[in-house]
Amino acid sequence: ADLVGRGLLALCALSAMVAVAEGATRVAAAPAEWVLTEFWRTAAYLV
């Protein structure tokens, strides 16, 4: 049970890292007035 639970948590962490990668593309493509907001969101995925 512990291993399955930790595996689920690892998948959650991995999904957040996928969101970081996707967020980096959003930051790069964001209009100037949204760059900080997109960066903040992407940094939150990393956290």
All heavy atoms as atom14 arrays in JSON, in Angstrom:
{
  "sequence": "ADLVGRGLLALCALSAMVAVAEGATRVAAAPAEWVLTEFWRTAAYLV",
  "atom14_mask": [
    [1, 1, 1, 1, 1, 0, 0, 0, 0, 0, 0, 0, 0, 0],
    [1, 1, 1, 1, 1, 1, 1, 1, 0, 0, 0, 0, 0, 0],
    [1, 1, 1, 1, 1, 1, 1, 1, 0, 0, 0, 0, 0, 0],
    [1, 1, 1, 1, 1, 1, 1, 0, 0, 0, 0, 0, 0, 0],
    [1, 1, 1, 1, 0, 0, 0, 0, 0, 0, 0, 0, 0, 0],
    [1, 1, 1, 1, 1, 1, 1, 1, 1, 1, 1, 0, 0, 0],
    [1, 1, 1, 1, 0, 0, 0, 0, 0, 0, 0, 0, 0, 0],
    [1, 1, 1, 1, 1, 1, 1, 1, 0, 0, 0, 0, 0, 0],
    [1, 1, 1, 1, 1, 1, 1, 1, 0, 0, 0, 0, 0, 0],
    [1, 1, 1, 1, 1, 0, 0, 0, 0, 0, 0, 0, 0, 0],
    [1, 1, 1, 1, 1, 1, 1, 1, 0, 0, 0, 0, 0, 0],
    [1, 1, 1, 1, 1, 1, 0, 0, 0, 0, 0, 0, 0, 0],
    [1, 1, 1, 1, 1, 0, 0, 0, 0, 0, 0, 0, 0, 0],
    [1, 1, 1, 1, 1, 1, 1, 1, 0, 0, 0, 0, 0, 0],
    [1, 1, 1, 1, 1, 1, 0, 0, 0, 0, 0, 0, 0, 0],
    [1, 1, 1, 1, 1, 0, 0, 0, 0, 0, 0, 0, 0, 0],
    [1, 1, 1, 1, 1, 1, 1, 1, 0, 0, 0, 0, 0, 0],
    [1, 1, 1, 1, 1, 1, 1, 0, 0, 0, 0, 0, 0, 0],
    [1, 1, 1, 1, 1, 0, 0, 0, 0, 0, 0, 0, 0, 0],
    [1, 1, 1, 1, 1, 1, 1, 0, 0, 0, 0, 0, 0, 0],
    [1, 1, 1, 1, 1, 0, 0, 0, 0, 0, 0, 0, 0, 0],
    [1, 1, 1, 1, 1, 1, 1, 1, 1, 0, 0, 0, 0, 0],
    [1, 1, 1, 1, 0, 0, 0, 0, 0, 0, 0, 0, 0, 0],
    [1, 1, 1, 1, 1, 0, 0, 0, 0, 0, 0, 0, 0, 0],
    [1, 1, 1, 1, 1, 1, 1, 0, 0, 0, 0, 0, 0, 0],
    [1, 1, 1, 1, 1, 1, 1, 1, 1, 1, 1, 0, 0, 0],
    [1, 1, 1, 1, 1, 1, 1, 0, 0, 0, 0, 0, 0, 0],
    [1, 1, 1, 1, 1, 0, 0, 0, 0, 0, 0, 0, 0, 0],
    [1, 1, 1, 1, 1, 0, 0, 0, 0, 0, 0, 0, 0, 0],
    [1, 1, 1, 1, 1, 0, 0, 0, 0, 0, 0, 0, 0, 0],
    [1, 1, 1, 1, 1, 1, 1, 0, 0, 0, 0, 0, 0, 0],
    [1, 1, 1, 1, 1, 0, 0, 0, 0, 0, 0, 0, 0, 0],
    [1, 1, 1, 1, 1, 1, 1, 1, 1, 0, 0, 0, 0, 0],
    [1, 1, 1, 1, 1, 1, 1, 1, 1, 1, 1, 1, 1, 1],
    [1, 1, 1, 1, 1, 1, 1, 0, 0, 0, 0, 0, 0, 0],
    [1, 1, 1, 1, 1, 1, 1, 1, 0, 0, 0, 0, 0, 0],
    [1, 1, 1, 1, 1, 1, 1, 0, 0, 0, 0, 0, 0, 0],
    [1, 1, 1, 1, 1, 1, 1, 1, 1, 0, 0, 0, 0, 0],
    [1, 1, 1, 1, 1, 1, 1, 1, 1, 1, 1, 0, 0, 0],
    [1, 1, 1, 1, 1, 1, 1, 1, 1, 1, 1, 1, 1, 1],
    [1, 1, 1, 1, 1, 1, 1, 1, 1, 1, 1, 0, 0, 0],
    [1, 1, 1, 1, 1, 1, 1, 0, 0, 0, 0, 0, 0, 0],
    [1, 1, 1, 1, 1, 0, 0, 0, 0, 0, 0, 0, 0, 0],
    [1, 1, 1, 1, 1, 0, 0, 0, 0, 0, 0, 0, 0, 0],
    [1, 1, 1, 1, 1, 1, 1, 1, 1, 1, 1, 1, 0, 0],
    [1, 1, 1, 1, 1, 1, 1, 1, 0, 0, 0, 0, 0, 0],
    [1, 1, 1, 1, 1, 1, 1, 0, 0, 0, 0, 0, 0, 0]
  ],
  "atom14_positions": [
    [[0.84, -1.2, 0.0], [0.0, 0.0, 0.0], [0.87, 1.25, 0.0], [0.59, 2.22, -0.72], [-0.94, 0.0, 1.21], [0.0, 0.0, 0.0], [0.0, 0.0, 0.0], [0.0, 0.0, 0.0], [0.0, 0.0, 0.0], [0.0, 0.0, 0.0], [0.0, 0.0, 0.0], [0.0, 0.0, 0.0], [0.0, 0.0, 0.0], [0.0, 0.0, 0.0]],
    [[1.93, 1.22, 0.79], [2.84, 2.35, 0.86], [3.49, 2.61, -0.5], [3.57, 3.76, -0.95], [3.91, 2.09, 1.93], [4.71, 3.32, 2.26], [4.12, 4.36, 2.61], [5.96, 3.26, 2.19], [0.0, 0.0, 0.0], [0.0, 0.0, 0.0], [0.0, 0.0, 0.0], [0.0, 0.0, 0.0], [0.0, 0.0, 0.0], [0.0, 0.0, 0.0]],
    [[3.91, 1.56, -1.18], [4.55, 1.72, -2.49], [3.56, 2.26, -3.53], [3.92, 3.12, -4.34], [5.15, 0.4, -2.96], [6.39, -0.06, -2.21], [6.81, -1.46, -2.66], [7.53, 0.93, -2.38], [0.0, 0.0, 0.0], [0.0, 0.0, 0.0], [0.0, 0.0, 0.0], [0.0, 0.0, 0.0], [0.0, 0.0, 0.0], [0.0, 0.0, 0.0]],
    [[2.33, 1.77, -3.51], [1.32, 2.27, -4.45], [1.03, 3.75, -4.15], [0.95, 4.58, -5.07], [0.02, 1.43, -4.4], [-1.09, 2.09, -5.19], [0.29, 0.02, -4.92], [0.0, 0.0, 0.0], [0.0, 0.0, 0.0], [0.0, 0.0, 0.0], [0.0, 0.0, 0.0], [0.0, 0.0, 0.0], [0.0, 0.0, 0.0], [0.0, 0.0, 0.0]],
    [[0.89, 4.09, -2.89], [0.64, 5.49, -2.51], [1.77, 6.4, -2.94], [1.54, 7.47, -3.52], [0.0, 0.0, 0.0], [0.0, 0.0, 0.0], [0.0, 0.0, 0.0], [0.0, 0.0, 0.0], [0.0, 0.0, 0.0], [0.0, 0.0, 0.0], [0.0, 0.0, 0.0], [0.0, 0.0, 0.0], [0.0, 0.0, 0.0], [0.0, 0.0, 0.0]],
    [[2.99, 5.96, -2.69], [4.14, 6.77, -3.11], [4.22, 6.87, -4.62], [4.63, 7.89, -5.17], [5.43, 6.19, -2.53], [5.56, 6.39, -1.03], [6.84, 5.76, -0.5], [6.85, 5.68, 0.94], [7.86, 6.13, 1.69], [8.91, 6.68, 1.14], [7.8, 6.01, 3.0], [0.0, 0.0, 0.0], [0.0, 0.0, 0.0], [0.0, 0.0, 0.0]],
    [[3.83, 5.8, -5.31], [3.8, 5.83, -6.78], [2.8, 6.87, -7.29], [3.09, 7.59, -8.25], [0.0, 0.0, 0.0], [0.0, 0.0, 0.0], [0.0, 0.0, 0.0], [0.0, 0.0, 0.0], [0.0, 0.0, 0.0], [0.0, 0.0, 0.0], [0.0, 0.0, 0.0], [0.0, 0.0, 0.0], [0.0, 0.0, 0.0], [0.0, 0.0, 0.0]],
    [[1.63, 6.93, -6.65], [0.65, 7.94, -7.03], [1.2, 9.35, -6.81], [1.01, 10.24, -7.66], [-0.64, 7.77, -6.23], [-1.53, 6.61, -6.63], [-2.64, 6.42, -5.6], [-2.11, 6.83, -8.01], [0.0, 0.0, 0.0], [0.0, 0.0, 0.0], [0.0, 0.0, 0.0], [0.0, 0.0, 0.0], [0.0, 0.0, 0.0], [0.0, 0.0, 0.0]],
    [[1.89, 9.54, -5.7], [2.48, 10.86, -5.42], [3.56, 11.19, -6.44], [3.68, 12.34, -6.87], [3.05, 10.88, -4.0], [2.03, 10.76, -2.88], [2.72, 10.49, -1.55], [1.16, 12.0, -2.8], [0.0, 0.0, 0.0], [0.0, 0.0, 0.0], [0.0, 0.0, 0.0], [0.0, 0.0, 0.0], [0.0, 0.0, 0.0], [0.0, 0.0, 0.0]],
    [[4.34, 10.19, -6.84], [5.37, 10.41, -7.85], [4.73, 10.8, -9.19], [5.25, 11.68, -9.89], [6.24, 9.17, -8.0], [0.0, 0.0, 0.0], [0.0, 0.0, 0.0], [0.0, 0.0, 0.0], [0.0, 0.0, 0.0], [0.0, 0.0, 0.0], [0.0, 0.0, 0.0], [0.0, 0.0, 0.0], [0.0, 0.0, 0.0], [0.0, 0.0, 0.0]],
    [[3.61, 10.17, -9.52], [2.9, 10.55, -10.75], [2.38, 11.99, -10.67], [2.41, 12.72, -11.66], [1.74, 9.6, -11.02], [2.13, 8.22, -11.55], [0.91, 7.31, -11.61], [2.78, 8.34, -12.92], [0.0, 0.0, 0.0], [0.0, 0.0, 0.0], [0.0, 0.0, 0.0], [0.0, 0.0, 0.0], [0.0, 0.0, 0.0], [0.0, 0.0, 0.0]],
    [[1.92, 12.38, -9.5], [1.48, 13.78, -9.31], [2.65, 14.73, -9.52], [2.51, 15.76, -10.21], [0.89, 13.97, -7.91], [-0.69, 13.15, -7.64], [0.0, 0.0, 0.0], [0.0, 0.0, 0.0], [0.0, 0.0, 0.0], [0.0, 0.0, 0.0], [0.0, 0.0, 0.0], [0.0, 0.0, 0.0], [0.0, 0.0, 0.0], [0.0, 0.0, 0.0]],
    [[3.8, 14.39, -8.95], [5.0, 15.23, -9.12], [5.4, 15.3, -10.58], [5.73, 16.37, -11.1], [6.15, 14.7, -8.26], [0.0, 0.0, 0.0], [0.0, 0.0, 0.0], [0.0, 0.0, 0.0], [0.0, 0.0, 0.0], [0.0, 0.0, 0.0], [0.0, 0.0, 0.0], [0.0, 0.0, 0.0], [0.0, 0.0, 0.0], [0.0, 0.0, 0.0]],
    [[5.36, 14.17, -11.25], [5.72, 14.12, -12.67], [4.75, 14.96, -13.5], [5.16, 15.7, -14.4], [5.73, 12.68, -13.16], [6.13, 12.46, -14.61], [7.54, 12.96, -14.88], [6.01, 10.99, -14.96], [0.0, 0.0, 0.0], [0.0, 0.0, 0.0], [0.0, 0.0, 0.0], [0.0, 0.0, 0.0], [0.0, 0.0, 0.0], [0.0, 0.0, 0.0]],
    [[3.46, 14.88, -13.19], [2.48, 15.68, -13.93], [2.73, 17.17, -13.72], [2.55, 17.97, -14.65], [1.05, 15.3, -13.55], [0.73, 15.77, -12.27], [0.0, 0.0, 0.0], [0.0, 0.0, 0.0], [0.0, 0.0, 0.0], [0.0, 0.0, 0.0], [0.0, 0.0, 0.0], [0.0, 0.0, 0.0], [0.0, 0.0, 0.0], [0.0, 0.0, 0.0]],
    [[3.16, 17.54, -12.53], [3.47, 18.95, -12.28], [4.69, 19.38, -13.09], [4.74, 20.52, -13.58], [3.69, 19.18, -10.79], [0.0, 0.0, 0.0], [0.0, 0.0, 0.0], [0.0, 0.0, 0.0], [0.0, 0.0, 0.0], [0.0, 0.0, 0.0], [0.0, 0.0, 0.0], [0.0, 0.0, 0.0], [0.0, 0.0, 0.0], [0.0, 0.0, 0.0]],
    [[5.65, 18.48, -13.26], [6.82, 18.82, -14.07], [6.44, 18.96, -15.55], [7.0, 19.8, -16.26], [7.93, 17.77, -13.89], [8.59, 17.84, -12.52], [9.21, 19.49, -12.09], [10.45, 19.74, -13.35], [0.0, 0.0, 0.0], [0.0, 0.0, 0.0], [0.0, 0.0, 0.0], [0.0, 0.0, 0.0], [0.0, 0.0, 0.0], [0.0, 0.0, 0.0]],
    [[5.49, 18.17, -16.01], [4.98, 18.34, -17.38], [4.33, 19.71, -17.51], [4.53, 20.42, -18.51], [3.98, 17.21, -17.73], [3.24, 17.52, -19.03], [4.71, 15.87, -17.83], [0.0, 0.0, 0.0], [0.0, 0.0, 0.0], [0.0, 0.0, 0.0], [0.0, 0.0, 0.0], [0.0, 0.0, 0.0], [0.0, 0.0, 0.0], [0.0, 0.0, 0.0]],
    [[3.6, 20.12, -16.47], [2.98, 21.45, -16.47], [4.04, 22.55, -16.48], [3.84, 23.61, -17.08], [2.05, 21.6, -15.28], [0.0, 0.0, 0.0], [0.0, 0.0, 0.0], [0.0, 0.0, 0.0], [0.0, 0.0, 0.0], [0.0, 0.0, 0.0], [0.0, 0.0, 0.0], [0.0, 0.0, 0.0], [0.0, 0.0, 0.0], [0.0, 0.0, 0.0]],
    [[5.19, 22.31, -15.82], [6.28, 23.29, -15.85], [6.78, 23.47, -17.28], [6.96, 24.6, -17.76], [7.45, 22.87, -14.92], [8.68, 23.73, -15.15], [7.02, 22.94, -13.46], [0.0, 0.0, 0.0], [0.0, 0.0, 0.0], [0.0, 0.0, 0.0], [0.0, 0.0, 0.0], [0.0, 0.0, 0.0], [0.0, 0.0, 0.0], [0.0, 0.0, 0.0]],
    [[6.97, 22.36, -17.98], [7.44, 22.43, -19.36], [6.42, 23.15, -20.25], [6.78, 24.0, -21.07], [7.71, 21.02, -19.89], [0.0, 0.0, 0.0], [0.0, 0.0, 0.0], [0.0, 0.0, 0.0], [0.0, 0.0, 0.0], [0.0, 0.0, 0.0], [0.0, 0.0, 0.0], [0.0, 0.0, 0.0], [0.0, 0.0, 0.0], [0.0, 0.0, 0.0]],
    [[5.14, 22.82, -20.07], [4.09, 23.49, -20.84], [4.05, 24.98, -20.47], [3.87, 25.85, -21.34], [2.74, 22.85, -20.56], [1.62, 23.45, -21.35], [0.25, 22.86, -21.01], [0.18, 21.83, -20.32], [-0.75, 23.45, -21.44], [0.0, 0.0, 0.0], [0.0, 0.0, 0.0], [0.0, 0.0, 0.0], [0.0, 0.0, 0.0], [0.0, 0.0, 0.0]],
    [[4.22, 25.28, -19.19], [4.21, 26.66, -18.73], [5.34, 27.48, -19.33], [5.16, 28.68, -19.62], [0.0, 0.0, 0.0], [0.0, 0.0, 0.0], [0.0, 0.0, 0.0], [0.0, 0.0, 0.0], [0.0, 0.0, 0.0], [0.0, 0.0, 0.0], [0.0, 0.0, 0.0], [0.0, 0.0, 0.0], [0.0, 0.0, 0.0], [0.0, 0.0, 0.0]],
    [[6.49, 26.86, -19.51], [7.63, 27.57, -20.1], [7.28, 28.04, -21.51], [7.65, 29.16, -21.9], [8.86, 26.68, -20.12], [0.0, 0.0, 0.0], [0.0, 0.0, 0.0], [0.0, 0.0, 0.0], [0.0, 0.0, 0.0], [0.0, 0.0, 0.0], [0.0, 0.0, 0.0], [0.0, 0.0, 0.0], [0.0, 0.0, 0.0], [0.0, 0.0, 0.0]],
    [[6.54, 27.23, -22.25], [6.14, 27.65, -23.59], [5.11, 28.78, -23.52], [5.11, 29.67, -24.37], [5.58, 26.47, -24.42], [4.4, 25.97, -23.8], [6.6, 25.35, -24.56], [0.0, 0.0, 0.0], [0.0, 0.0, 0.0], [0.0, 0.0, 0.0], [0.0, 0.0, 0.0], [0.0, 0.0, 0.0], [0.0, 0.0, 0.0], [0.0, 0.0, 0.0]],
    [[4.25, 28.73, -22.49], [3.28, 29.82, -22.32], [3.95, 31.14, -21.97], [3.55, 32.2, -22.44], [2.28, 29.47, -21.21], [1.24, 28.5, -21.62], [0.21, 28.37, -20.53], [-0.71, 27.31, -20.83], [-1.51, 26.75, -19.95], [-1.51, 27.19, -18.7], [-2.31, 25.79, -20.29], [0.0, 0.0, 0.0], [0.0, 0.0, 0.0], [0.0, 0.0, 0.0]],
    [[4.98, 31.07, -21.12], [5.72, 32.27, -20.75], [6.36, 32.88, -22.01], [6.29, 34.08, -22.24], [6.79, 31.98, -19.68], [7.7, 33.17, -19.46], [6.13, 31.57, -18.36], [0.0, 0.0, 0.0], [0.0, 0.0, 0.0], [0.0, 0.0, 0.0], [0.0, 0.0, 0.0], [0.0, 0.0, 0.0], [0.0, 0.0, 0.0], [0.0, 0.0, 0.0]],
    [[6.97, 32.01, -22.8], [7.65, 32.49, -24.01], [6.68, 33.11, -25.01], [7.04, 34.06, -25.73], [8.41, 31.34, -24.67], [0.0, 0.0, 0.0], [0.0, 0.0, 0.0], [0.0, 0.0, 0.0], [0.0, 0.0, 0.0], [0.0, 0.0, 0.0], [0.0, 0.0, 0.0], [0.0, 0.0, 0.0], [0.0, 0.0, 0.0], [0.0, 0.0, 0.0]],
    [[5.45, 32.61, -25.06], [4.47, 33.09, -26.04], [3.54, 34.17, -25.49], [2.75, 34.74, -26.24], [3.63, 31.91, -26.54], [0.0, 0.0, 0.0], [0.0, 0.0, 0.0], [0.0, 0.0, 0.0], [0.0, 0.0, 0.0], [0.0, 0.0, 0.0], [0.0, 0.0, 0.0], [0.0, 0.0, 0.0], [0.0, 0.0, 0.0], [0.0, 0.0, 0.0]],
    [[3.63, 34.46, -24.21], [2.69, 35.4, -23.59], [2.96, 36.84, -24.01], [4.1, 37.25, -24.18], [2.79, 35.3, -22.07], [0.0, 0.0, 0.0], [0.0, 0.0, 0.0], [0.0, 0.0, 0.0], [0.0, 0.0, 0.0], [0.0, 0.0, 0.0], [0.0, 0.0, 0.0], [0.0, 0.0, 0.0], [0.0, 0.0, 0.0], [0.0, 0.0, 0.0]],
    [[1.88, 37.62, -24.15], [2.06, 39.05, -24.38], [2.73, 39.67, -23.14], [2.62, 39.13, -22.04], [0.64, 39.59, -24.55], [-0.29, 38.44, -24.45], [0.49, 37.22, -24.11], [0.0, 0.0, 0.0], [0.0, 0.0, 0.0], [0.0, 0.0, 0.0], [0.0, 0.0, 0.0], [0.0, 0.0, 0.0], [0.0, 0.0, 0.0], [0.0, 0.0, 0.0]],
    [[3.39, 40.76, -23.32], [4.17, 41.38, -22.25], [3.39, 41.56, -20.96], [3.92, 41.33, -19.86], [4.72, 42.72, -22.72], [0.0, 0.0, 0.0], [0.0, 0.0, 0.0], [0.0, 0.0, 0.0], [0.0, 0.0, 0.0], [0.0, 0.0, 0.0], [0.0, 0.0, 0.0], [0.0, 0.0, 0.0], [0.0, 0.0, 0.0], [0.0, 0.0, 0.0]],
    [[2.12, 41.93, -21.06], [1.33, 42.17, -19.84], [0.97, 40.88, -19.09], [0.5, 40.94, -17.96], [0.07, 42.98, -20.14], [-0.92, 42.31, -21.06], [-0.67, 42.6, -22.54], [0.41, 43.08, -22.9], [-1.58, 42.34, -23.33], [0.0, 0.0, 0.0], [0.0, 0.0, 0.0], [0.0, 0.0, 0.0], [0.0, 0.0, 0.0], [0.0, 0.0, 0.0]],
    [[1.19, 39.72, -19.71], [0.86, 38.44, -19.06], [2.08, 37.59, -18.73], [1.95, 36.51, -18.14], [-0.09, 37.63, -19.95], [-1.46, 38.22, -19.98], [-2.02, 38.96, -20.97], [-2.42, 38.16, -18.93], [-3.28, 39.37, -20.62], [-3.55, 38.88, -19.36], [-2.45, 37.57, -17.67], [-4.7, 39.03, -18.58], [-3.59, 37.71, -16.89], [-4.69, 38.44, -17.35]],
    [[3.28, 38.06, -19.06], [4.5, 37.27, -18.83], [4.66, 36.95, -17.34], [4.91, 35.79, -16.97], [5.75, 37.99, -19.38], [7.03, 37.32, -18.9], [5.71, 38.01, -20.9], [0.0, 0.0, 0.0], [0.0, 0.0, 0.0], [0.0, 0.0, 0.0], [0.0, 0.0, 0.0], [0.0, 0.0, 0.0], [0.0, 0.0, 0.0], [0.0, 0.0, 0.0]],
    [[4.51, 37.94, -16.49], [4.69, 37.69, -15.06], [3.65, 36.71, -14.52], [3.97, 35.82, -13.74], [4.65, 39.01, -14.27], [4.9, 38.88, -12.76], [6.25, 38.21, -12.49], [4.82, 40.22, -12.09], [0.0, 0.0, 0.0], [0.0, 0.0, 0.0], [0.0, 0.0, 0.0], [0.0, 0.0, 0.0], [0.0, 0.0, 0.0], [0.0, 0.0, 0.0]],
    [[2.4, 36.85, -14.94], [1.35, 35.95, -14.49], [1.65, 34.52, -14.93], [1.53, 33.57, -14.14], [-0.02, 36.39, -15.03], [-0.29, 37.7, -14.56], [-1.12, 35.44, -14.61], [0.0, 0.0, 0.0], [0.0, 0.0, 0.0], [0.0, 0.0, 0.0], [0.0, 0.0, 0.0], [0.0, 0.0, 0.0], [0.0, 0.0, 0.0], [0.0, 0.0, 0.0]],
    [[2.04, 34.33, -16.18], [2.37, 32.98, -16.67], [3.6, 32.42, -15.98], [3.66, 31.23, -15.68], [2.55, 33.0, -18.19], [1.28, 33.21, -18.97], [0.23, 32.13, -18.75], [0.59, 30.98, -18.4], [-0.97, 32.43, -18.92], [0.0, 0.0, 0.0], [0.0, 0.0, 0.0], [0.0, 0.0, 0.0], [0.0, 0.0, 0.0], [0.0, 0.0, 0.0]],
    [[4.58, 33.28, -15.71], [5.77, 32.82, -15.0], [5.41, 32.4, -13.58], [5.87, 31.36, -13.08], [6.85, 33.91, -14.96], [8.06, 33.45, -14.2], [9.01, 32.65, -14.81], [8.24, 33.78, -12.86], [10.12, 32.19, -14.11], [9.33, 33.31, -12.15], [10.28, 32.53, -12.78], [0.0, 0.0, 0.0], [0.0, 0.0, 0.0], [0.0, 0.0, 0.0]],
    [[4.57, 33.19, -12.9], [4.15, 32.87, -11.54], [3.45, 31.52, -11.52], [3.7, 30.68, -10.65], [3.21, 33.98, -11.04], [2.72, 33.77, -9.65], [3.33, 34.16, -8.5], [1.51, 33.12, -9.25], [2.58, 33.79, -7.42], [1.45, 33.14, -7.85], [0.47, 32.51, -9.96], [0.4, 32.58, -7.15], [-0.58, 31.96, -9.25], [-0.59, 32.0, -7.86]],
    [[2.56, 31.29, -12.47], [1.84, 30.01, -12.55], [2.81, 28.86, -12.78], [2.72, 27.81, -12.16], [0.81, 30.08, -13.68], [0.0, 28.81, -13.79], [-0.94, 28.79, -14.97], [-1.28, 30.07, -15.52], [-2.44, 30.38, -16.03], [-3.42, 29.5, -16.04], [-2.66, 31.56, -16.54], [0.0, 0.0, 0.0], [0.0, 0.0, 0.0], [0.0, 0.0, 0.0]],
    [[3.76, 29.06, -13.67], [4.73, 28.01, -13.98], [5.61, 27.72, -12.76], [5.89, 26.55, -12.47], [5.59, 28.43, -15.19], [4.7, 28.64, -16.3], [6.6, 27.37, -15.55], [0.0, 0.0, 0.0], [0.0, 0.0, 0.0], [0.0, 0.0, 0.0], [0.0, 0.0, 0.0], [0.0, 0.0, 0.0], [0.0, 0.0, 0.0], [0.0, 0.0, 0.0]],
    [[6.02, 28.75, -12.04], [6.8, 28.53, -10.83], [5.99, 27.78, -9.77], [6.53, 26.94, -9.04], [7.29, 29.88, -10.28], [0.0, 0.0, 0.0], [0.0, 0.0, 0.0], [0.0, 0.0, 0.0], [0.0, 0.0, 0.0], [0.0, 0.0, 0.0], [0.0, 0.0, 0.0], [0.0, 0.0, 0.0], [0.0, 0.0, 0.0], [0.0, 0.0, 0.0]],
    [[4.69, 28.03, -9.72], [3.83, 27.31, -8.78], [3.79, 25.82, -9.1], [3.78, 24.98, -8.19], [2.42, 27.9, -8.79], [0.0, 0.0, 0.0], [0.0, 0.0, 0.0], [0.0, 0.0, 0.0], [0.0, 0.0, 0.0], [0.0, 0.0, 0.0], [0.0, 0.0, 0.0], [0.0, 0.0, 0.0], [0.0, 0.0, 0.0], [0.0, 0.0, 0.0]],
    [[3.78, 25.47, -10.38], [3.82, 24.05, -10.75], [5.1, 23.4, -10.22], [5.09, 22.26, -9.75], [3.78, 23.87, -12.27], [2.5, 24.31, -12.94], [2.54, 24.98, -14.16], [1.25, 24.07, -12.38], [1.38, 25.38, -14.8], [0.08, 24.47, -13.01], [0.15, 25.12, -14.22], [-0.99, 25.53, -14.85], [0.0, 0.0, 0.0], [0.0, 0.0, 0.0]],
    [[6.19, 24.13, -10.3], [7.47, 23.62, -9.79], [7.41, 23.4, -8.27], [7.89, 22.39, -7.75], [8.6, 24.59, -10.15], [10.02, 24.13, -9.85], [10.34, 22.85, -10.61], [11.0, 25.23, -10.24], [0.0, 0.0, 0.0], [0.0, 0.0, 0.0], [0.0, 0.0, 0.0], [0.0, 0.0, 0.0], [0.0, 0.0, 0.0], [0.0, 0.0, 0.0]],
    [[6.78, 24.33, -7.56], [6.61, 24.19, -6.11], [5.76, 22.96, -5.8], [6.09, 22.17, -4.89], [6.0, 25.47, -5.49], [5.6, 25.25, -4.05], [6.99, 26.63, -5.62], [0.0, 0.0, 0.0], [0.0, 0.0, 0.0], [0.0, 0.0, 0.0], [0.0, 0.0, 0.0], [0.0, 0.0, 0.0], [0.0, 0.0, 0.0], [0.0, 0.0, 0.0]]
  ]
}
